[in-house]
Amino acid sequence: PTAPERLFKSLLEELDMKFETQKIV
């Protein structure tokens, strides 16, 4: 993950959102 991706992950965690990383489509 890039620095901006790590920062956005923190944002999602603060919002208590369930998420997946690196979704392949």
PDB file of all heavy atoms in Angstrom:
ATOM      1  N   PRO A   1       0.818  -1.215   0.000  1.00  0.00           N
ATOM      2  CA  PRO A   1       0.000   0.000   0.000  1.00  0.00           C
ATOM      3  C   PRO A   1       0.850   1.262   0.000  1.00  0.00           C
ATOM      4  O   PRO A   1       1.902   1.323   0.635  1.00  0.00           O
ATOM      5  CB  PRO A   1      -0.818  -0.088   1.290  1.00  0.00           C
ATOM      6  CG  PRO A   1      -0.397  -1.309   2.004  1.00  0.00           C
ATOM      7  CD  PRO A   1       0.658  -2.004   1.204  1.00  0.00           C
ATOM      8  N   THR A   2       0.373   2.257  -0.734  1.00  0.00           N
ATOM      9  CA  THR A   2       1.055   3.551  -0.771  1.00  0.00           C
ATOM     10  C   THR A   2       0.713   4.332   0.498  1.00  0.00           C
ATOM     11  O   THR A   2      -0.220   3.977   1.228  1.00  0.00           O
ATOM     12  CB  THR A   2       0.599   4.354  -2.000  1.00  0.00           C
ATOM     13  OG1 THR A   2      -0.803   4.639  -1.865  1.00  0.00           O
ATOM     14  CG2 THR A   2       0.861   3.601  -3.296  1.00  0.00           C
ATOM     15  N   ALA A   3       1.430   5.423   0.726  1.00  0.00           N
ATOM     16  CA  ALA A   3       1.136   6.273   1.891  1.00  0.00           C
ATOM     17  C   ALA A   3      -0.302   6.791   1.855  1.00  0.00           C
ATOM     18  O   ALA A   3      -1.003   6.728   2.877  1.00  0.00           O
ATOM     19  CB  ALA A   3       2.133   7.417   1.973  1.00  0.00           C
ATOM     20  N   PRO A   4      -0.811   7.284   0.711  1.00  0.00           N
ATOM     21  CA  PRO A   4      -2.210   7.713   0.687  1.00  0.00           C
ATOM     22  C   PRO A   4      -3.200   6.565   0.965  1.00  0.00           C
ATOM     23  O   PRO A   4      -4.222   6.768   1.617  1.00  0.00           O
ATOM     24  CB  PRO A   4      -2.403   8.276  -0.723  1.00  0.00           C
ATOM     25  CG  PRO A   4      -1.037   8.638  -1.192  1.00  0.00           C
ATOM     26  CD  PRO A   4      -0.113   7.646  -0.531  1.00  0.00           C
ATOM     27  N   GLU A   5      -2.886   5.370   0.491  1.00  0.00           N
ATOM     28  CA  GLU A   5      -3.755   4.213   0.766  1.00  0.00           C
ATOM     29  C   GLU A   5      -3.764   3.893   2.258  1.00  0.00           C
ATOM     30  O   GLU A   5      -4.804   3.576   2.822  1.00  0.00           O
ATOM     31  CB  GLU A   5      -3.305   2.998  -0.046  1.00  0.00           C
ATOM     32  CG  GLU A   5      -3.600   3.117  -1.524  1.00  0.00           C
ATOM     33  CD  GLU A   5      -2.927   2.040  -2.354  1.00  0.00           C
ATOM     34  OE1 GLU A   5      -2.228   1.166  -1.789  1.00  0.00           O
ATOM     35  OE2 GLU A   5      -3.078   2.079  -3.581  1.00  0.00           O
ATOM     36  N   ARG A   6      -2.613   3.975   2.903  1.00  0.00           N
ATOM     37  CA  ARG A   6      -2.552   3.722   4.344  1.00  0.00           C
ATOM     38  C   ARG A   6      -3.367   4.767   5.104  1.00  0.00           C
ATOM     39  O   ARG A   6      -4.073   4.448   6.065  1.00  0.00           O
ATOM     40  CB  ARG A   6      -1.104   3.684   4.830  1.00  0.00           C
ATOM     41  CG  ARG A   6      -0.342   2.448   4.357  1.00  0.00           C
ATOM     42  CD  ARG A   6       1.005   2.285   5.045  1.00  0.00           C
ATOM     43  NE  ARG A   6       1.884   3.441   4.887  1.00  0.00           N
ATOM     44  CZ  ARG A   6       2.759   3.611   3.901  1.00  0.00           C
ATOM     45  NH1 ARG A   6       2.860   2.698   2.952  1.00  0.00           N
ATOM     46  NH2 ARG A   6       3.524   4.676   3.852  1.00  0.00           N
ATOM     47  N   LEU A   7      -3.286   6.002   4.650  1.00  0.00           N
ATOM     48  CA  LEU A   7      -4.053   7.076   5.284  1.00  0.00           C
ATOM     49  C   LEU A   7      -5.559   6.859   5.093  1.00  0.00           C
ATOM     50  O   LEU A   7      -6.339   7.022   6.034  1.00  0.00           O
ATOM     51  CB  LEU A   7      -3.624   8.430   4.706  1.00  0.00           C
ATOM     52  CG  LEU A   7      -4.130   9.682   5.383  1.00  0.00           C
ATOM     53  CD1 LEU A   7      -3.792   9.693   6.873  1.00  0.00           C
ATOM     54  CD2 LEU A   7      -3.534  10.913   4.711  1.00  0.00           C
ATOM     55  N   PHE A   8      -5.952   6.443   3.898  1.00  0.00           N
ATOM     56  CA  PHE A   8      -7.373   6.199   3.652  1.00  0.00           C
ATOM     57  C   PHE A   8      -7.862   4.993   4.457  1.00  0.00           C
ATOM     58  O   PHE A   8      -8.983   4.987   4.953  1.00  0.00           O
ATOM     59  CB  PHE A   8      -7.656   6.004   2.161  1.00  0.00           C
ATOM     60  CG  PHE A   8      -9.122   6.015   1.849  1.00  0.00           C
ATOM     61  CD1 PHE A   8      -9.827   7.207   1.832  1.00  0.00           C
ATOM     62  CD2 PHE A   8      -9.806   4.842   1.606  1.00  0.00           C
ATOM     63  CE1 PHE A   8     -11.185   7.235   1.569  1.00  0.00           C
ATOM     64  CE2 PHE A   8     -11.162   4.854   1.341  1.00  0.00           C
ATOM     65  CZ  PHE A   8     -11.855   6.054   1.320  1.00  0.00           C
ATOM     66  N   LYS A   9      -7.014   3.998   4.608  1.00  0.00           N
ATOM     67  CA  LYS A   9      -7.370   2.847   5.438  1.00  0.00           C
ATOM     68  C   LYS A   9      -7.654   3.305   6.867  1.00  0.00           C
ATOM     69  O   LYS A   9      -8.627   2.857   7.491  1.00  0.00           O
ATOM     70  CB  LYS A   9      -6.247   1.811   5.423  1.00  0.00           C
ATOM     71  CG  LYS A   9      -6.545   0.588   6.258  1.00  0.00           C
ATOM     72  CD  LYS A   9      -5.400  -0.410   6.222  1.00  0.00           C
ATOM     73  CE  LYS A   9      -5.716  -1.587   7.112  1.00  0.00           C
ATOM     74  NZ  LYS A   9      -4.582  -2.508   7.204  1.00  0.00           N
ATOM     75  N   SER A  10      -6.838   4.211   7.377  1.00  0.00           N
ATOM     76  CA  SER A  10      -7.066   4.759   8.722  1.00  0.00           C
ATOM     77  C   SER A  10      -8.415   5.467   8.790  1.00  0.00           C
ATOM     78  O   SER A  10      -9.143   5.334   9.782  1.00  0.00           O
ATOM     79  CB  SER A  10      -5.964   5.744   9.101  1.00  0.00           C
ATOM     80  OG  SER A  10      -4.740   5.089   9.204  1.00  0.00           O
ATOM     81  N   LEU A  11      -8.749   6.203   7.736  1.00  0.00           N
ATOM     82  CA  LEU A  11     -10.032   6.900   7.682  1.00  0.00           C
ATOM     83  C   LEU A  11     -11.180   5.896   7.763  1.00  0.00           C
ATOM     84  O   LEU A  11     -12.120   6.074   8.538  1.00  0.00           O
ATOM     85  CB  LEU A  11     -10.110   7.718   6.389  1.00  0.00           C
ATOM     86  CG  LEU A  11     -11.337   8.570   6.159  1.00  0.00           C
ATOM     87  CD1 LEU A  11     -10.958   9.814   5.359  1.00  0.00           C
ATOM     88  CD2 LEU A  11     -12.413   7.819   5.416  1.00  0.00           C
ATOM     89  N   LEU A  12     -11.105   4.829   6.988  1.00  0.00           N
ATOM     90  CA  LEU A  12     -12.159   3.809   7.019  1.00  0.00           C
ATOM     91  C   LEU A  12     -12.254   3.149   8.391  1.00  0.00           C
ATOM     92  O   LEU A  12     -13.351   2.873   8.879  1.00  0.00           O
ATOM     93  CB  LEU A  12     -11.915   2.754   5.941  1.00  0.00           C
ATOM     94  CG  LEU A  12     -12.076   3.212   4.494  1.00  0.00           C
ATOM     95  CD1 LEU A  12     -11.670   2.095   3.537  1.00  0.00           C
ATOM     96  CD2 LEU A  12     -13.492   3.668   4.224  1.00  0.00           C
ATOM     97  N   GLU A  13     -11.109   2.924   9.007  1.00  0.00           N
ATOM     98  CA  GLU A  13     -11.109   2.328  10.343  1.00  0.00           C
ATOM     99  C   GLU A  13     -11.735   3.277  11.361  1.00  0.00           C
ATOM    100  O   GLU A  13     -12.497   2.843  12.224  1.00  0.00           O
ATOM    101  CB  GLU A  13      -9.687   1.935  10.742  1.00  0.00           C
ATOM    102  CG  GLU A  13      -9.185   0.744   9.951  1.00  0.00           C
ATOM    103  CD  GLU A  13      -7.698   0.468  10.107  1.00  0.00           C
ATOM    104  OE1 GLU A  13      -6.954   1.361  10.593  1.00  0.00           O
ATOM    105  OE2 GLU A  13      -7.276  -0.641   9.728  1.00  0.00           O
ATOM    106  N   GLU A  14     -11.438   4.582  11.244  1.00  0.00           N
ATOM    107  CA  GLU A  14     -12.052   5.567  12.140  1.00  0.00           C
ATOM    108  C   GLU A  14     -13.568   5.591  11.977  1.00  0.00           C
ATOM    109  O   GLU A  14     -14.296   5.828  12.943  1.00  0.00           O
ATOM    110  CB  GLU A  14     -11.491   6.968  11.856  1.00  0.00           C
ATOM    111  CG  GLU A  14     -10.102   7.186  12.376  1.00  0.00           C
ATOM    112  CD  GLU A  14      -9.596   8.574  12.040  1.00  0.00           C
ATOM    113  OE1 GLU A  14     -10.342   9.548  12.210  1.00  0.00           O
ATOM    114  OE2 GLU A  14      -8.433   8.675  11.606  1.00  0.00           O
ATOM    115  N   LEU A  15     -14.031   5.363  10.744  1.00  0.00           N
ATOM    116  CA  LEU A  15     -15.468   5.336  10.475  1.00  0.00           C
ATOM    117  C   LEU A  15     -16.084   3.982  10.809  1.00  0.00           C
ATOM    118  O   LEU A  15     -17.284   3.791  10.657  1.00  0.00           O
ATOM    119  CB  LEU A  15     -15.743   5.681   9.008  1.00  0.00           C
ATOM    120  CG  LEU A  15     -15.430   7.117   8.598  1.00  0.00           C
ATOM    121  CD1 LEU A  15     -15.552   7.279   7.090  1.00  0.00           C
ATOM    122  CD2 LEU A  15     -16.329   8.100   9.327  1.00  0.00           C
ATOM    123  N   ASP A  16     -15.244   3.052  11.261  1.00  0.00           N
ATOM    124  CA  ASP A  16     -15.681   1.705  11.623  1.00  0.00           C
ATOM    125  C   ASP A  16     -16.383   0.993  10.462  1.00  0.00           C
ATOM    126  O   ASP A  16     -17.389   0.314  10.637  1.00  0.00           O
ATOM    127  CB  ASP A  16     -16.593   1.750  12.861  1.00  0.00           C
ATOM    128  CG  ASP A  16     -16.682   0.404  13.552  1.00  0.00           C
ATOM    129  OD1 ASP A  16     -15.717  -0.385  13.438  1.00  0.00           O
ATOM    130  OD2 ASP A  16     -17.726   0.134  14.177  1.00  0.00           O
ATOM    131  N   MET A  17     -15.823   1.191   9.258  1.00  0.00           N
ATOM    132  CA  MET A  17     -16.383   0.576   8.060  1.00  0.00           C
ATOM    133  C   MET A  17     -15.735  -0.784   7.816  1.00  0.00           C
ATOM    134  O   MET A  17     -14.530  -0.933   7.993  1.00  0.00           O
ATOM    135  CB  MET A  17     -16.139   1.462   6.835  1.00  0.00           C
ATOM    136  CG  MET A  17     -16.894   2.775   6.838  1.00  0.00           C
ATOM    137  SD  MET A  17     -18.691   2.605   6.940  1.00  0.00           S
ATOM    138  CE  MET A  17     -19.050   1.535   5.577  1.00  0.00           C
ATOM    139  N   LYS A  18     -16.536  -1.729   7.388  1.00  0.00           N
ATOM    140  CA  LYS A  18     -15.999  -3.018   6.960  1.00  0.00           C
ATOM    141  C   LYS A  18     -15.540  -2.859   5.520  1.00  0.00           C
ATOM    142  O   LYS A  18     -16.280  -2.353   4.674  1.00  0.00           O
ATOM    143  CB  LYS A  18     -17.065  -4.097   7.067  1.00  0.00           C
ATOM    144  CG  LYS A  18     -17.432  -4.376   8.511  1.00  0.00           C
ATOM    145  CD  LYS A  18     -18.466  -5.462   8.621  1.00  0.00           C
ATOM    146  CE  LYS A  18     -18.762  -5.650  10.109  1.00  0.00           C
ATOM    147  NZ  LYS A  18     -19.925  -6.409  10.371  1.00  0.00           N
ATOM    148  N   PHE A  19     -14.310  -3.287   5.254  1.00  0.00           N
ATOM    149  CA  PHE A  19     -13.764  -3.118   3.915  1.00  0.00           C
ATOM    150  C   PHE A  19     -12.772  -4.225   3.608  1.00  0.00           C
ATOM    151  O   PHE A  19     -12.287  -4.915   4.498  1.00  0.00           O
ATOM    152  CB  PHE A  19     -13.097  -1.744   3.768  1.00  0.00           C
ATOM    153  CG  PHE A  19     -11.911  -1.544   4.670  1.00  0.00           C
ATOM    154  CD1 PHE A  19     -10.639  -1.860   4.258  1.00  0.00           C
ATOM    155  CD2 PHE A  19     -12.082  -1.034   5.954  1.00  0.00           C
ATOM    156  CE1 PHE A  19      -9.552  -1.675   5.093  1.00  0.00           C
ATOM    157  CE2 PHE A  19     -11.010  -0.832   6.802  1.00  0.00           C
ATOM    158  CZ  PHE A  19      -9.740  -1.153   6.360  1.00  0.00           C
ATOM    159  N   GLU A  20     -12.523  -4.364   2.327  1.00  0.00           N
ATOM    160  CA  GLU A  20     -11.495  -5.273   1.838  1.00  0.00           C
ATOM    161  C   GLU A  20     -10.456  -4.433   1.113  1.00  0.00           C
ATOM    162  O   GLU A  20     -10.781  -3.396   0.534  1.00  0.00           O
ATOM    163  CB  GLU A  20     -12.095  -6.275   0.843  1.00  0.00           C
ATOM    164  CG  GLU A  20     -13.180  -7.155   1.416  1.00  0.00           C
ATOM    165  CD  GLU A  20     -13.862  -7.999   0.353  1.00  0.00           C
ATOM    166  OE1 GLU A  20     -13.313  -8.172  -0.759  1.00  0.00           O
ATOM    167  OE2 GLU A  20     -14.969  -8.480   0.636  1.00  0.00           O
ATOM    168  N   THR A  21      -9.219  -4.881   1.137  1.00  0.00           N
ATOM    169  CA  THR A  21      -8.182  -4.217   0.363  1.00  0.00           C
ATOM    170  C   THR A  21      -7.818  -5.106  -0.819  1.00  0.00           C
ATOM    171  O   THR A  21      -8.019  -6.319  -0.792  1.00  0.00           O
ATOM    172  CB  THR A  21      -6.930  -3.933   1.204  1.00  0.00           C
ATOM    173  OG1 THR A  21      -6.428  -5.169   1.724  1.00  0.00           O
ATOM    174  CG2 THR A  21      -7.242  -2.978   2.343  1.00  0.00           C
ATOM    175  N   GLN A  22      -7.312  -4.479  -1.844  1.00  0.00           N
ATOM    176  CA  GLN A  22      -6.829  -5.165  -3.036  1.00  0.00           C
ATOM    177  C   GLN A  22      -7.870  -6.107  -3.638  1.00  0.00           C
ATOM    178  O   GLN A  22      -7.626  -7.277  -3.890  1.00  0.00           O
ATOM    179  CB  GLN A  22      -5.526  -5.889  -2.742  1.00  0.00           C
ATOM    180  CG  GLN A  22      -4.423  -4.948  -2.320  1.00  0.00           C
ATOM    181  CD  GLN A  22      -3.077  -5.631  -2.232  1.00  0.00           C
ATOM    182  OE1 GLN A  22      -2.972  -6.843  -2.297  1.00  0.00           O
ATOM    183  NE2 GLN A  22      -2.034  -4.836  -2.095  1.00  0.00           N
ATOM    184  N   LYS A  23      -9.023  -5.564  -3.908  1.00  0.00           N
ATOM    185  CA  LYS A  23     -10.107  -6.305  -4.567  1.00  0.00           C
ATOM    186  C   LYS A  23      -9.730  -6.530  -6.035  1.00  0.00           C
ATOM    187  O   LYS A  23      -9.392  -5.589  -6.745  1.00  0.00           O
ATOM    188  CB  LYS A  23     -11.408  -5.495  -4.462  1.00  0.00           C
ATOM    189  CG  LYS A  23     -12.571  -6.043  -5.224  1.00  0.00           C
ATOM    190  CD  LYS A  23     -13.247  -7.113  -4.444  1.00  0.00           C
ATOM    191  CE  LYS A  23     -14.573  -7.517  -5.097  1.00  0.00           C
ATOM    192  NZ  LYS A  23     -15.083  -8.719  -4.481  1.00  0.00           N
ATOM    193  N   ILE A  24      -9.793  -7.763  -6.473  1.00  0.00           N
ATOM    194  CA  ILE A  24      -9.467  -8.074  -7.863  1.00  0.00           C
ATOM    195  C   ILE A  24     -10.753  -8.219  -8.659  1.00  0.00           C
ATOM    196  O   ILE A  24     -11.642  -8.988  -8.279  1.00  0.00           O
ATOM    197  CB  ILE A  24      -8.627  -9.360  -7.980  1.00  0.00           C
ATOM    198  CG1 ILE A  24      -7.289  -9.177  -7.267  1.00  0.00           C
ATOM    199  CG2 ILE A  24      -8.410  -9.718  -9.447  1.00  0.00           C
ATOM    200  CD1 ILE A  24      -6.422 -10.414  -7.268  1.00  0.00           C
ATOM    201  N   VAL A  25     -10.829  -7.469  -9.757  1.00  0.00           N
ATOM    202  CA  VAL A  25     -11.961  -7.555 -10.681  1.00  0.00           C
ATOM    203  C   VAL A  25     -11.373  -7.590 -12.091  1.00  0.00           C
ATOM    204  O   VAL A  25     -10.611  -6.691 -12.473  1.00  0.00           O
ATOM    205  CB  VAL A  25     -12.921  -6.349 -10.535  1.00  0.00           C
ATOM    206  CG1 VAL A  25     -14.093  -6.468 -11.498  1.00  0.00           C
ATOM    207  CG2 VAL A  25     -13.412  -6.199  -9.094  1.00  0.00           C
TER     208      VAL A  25
END
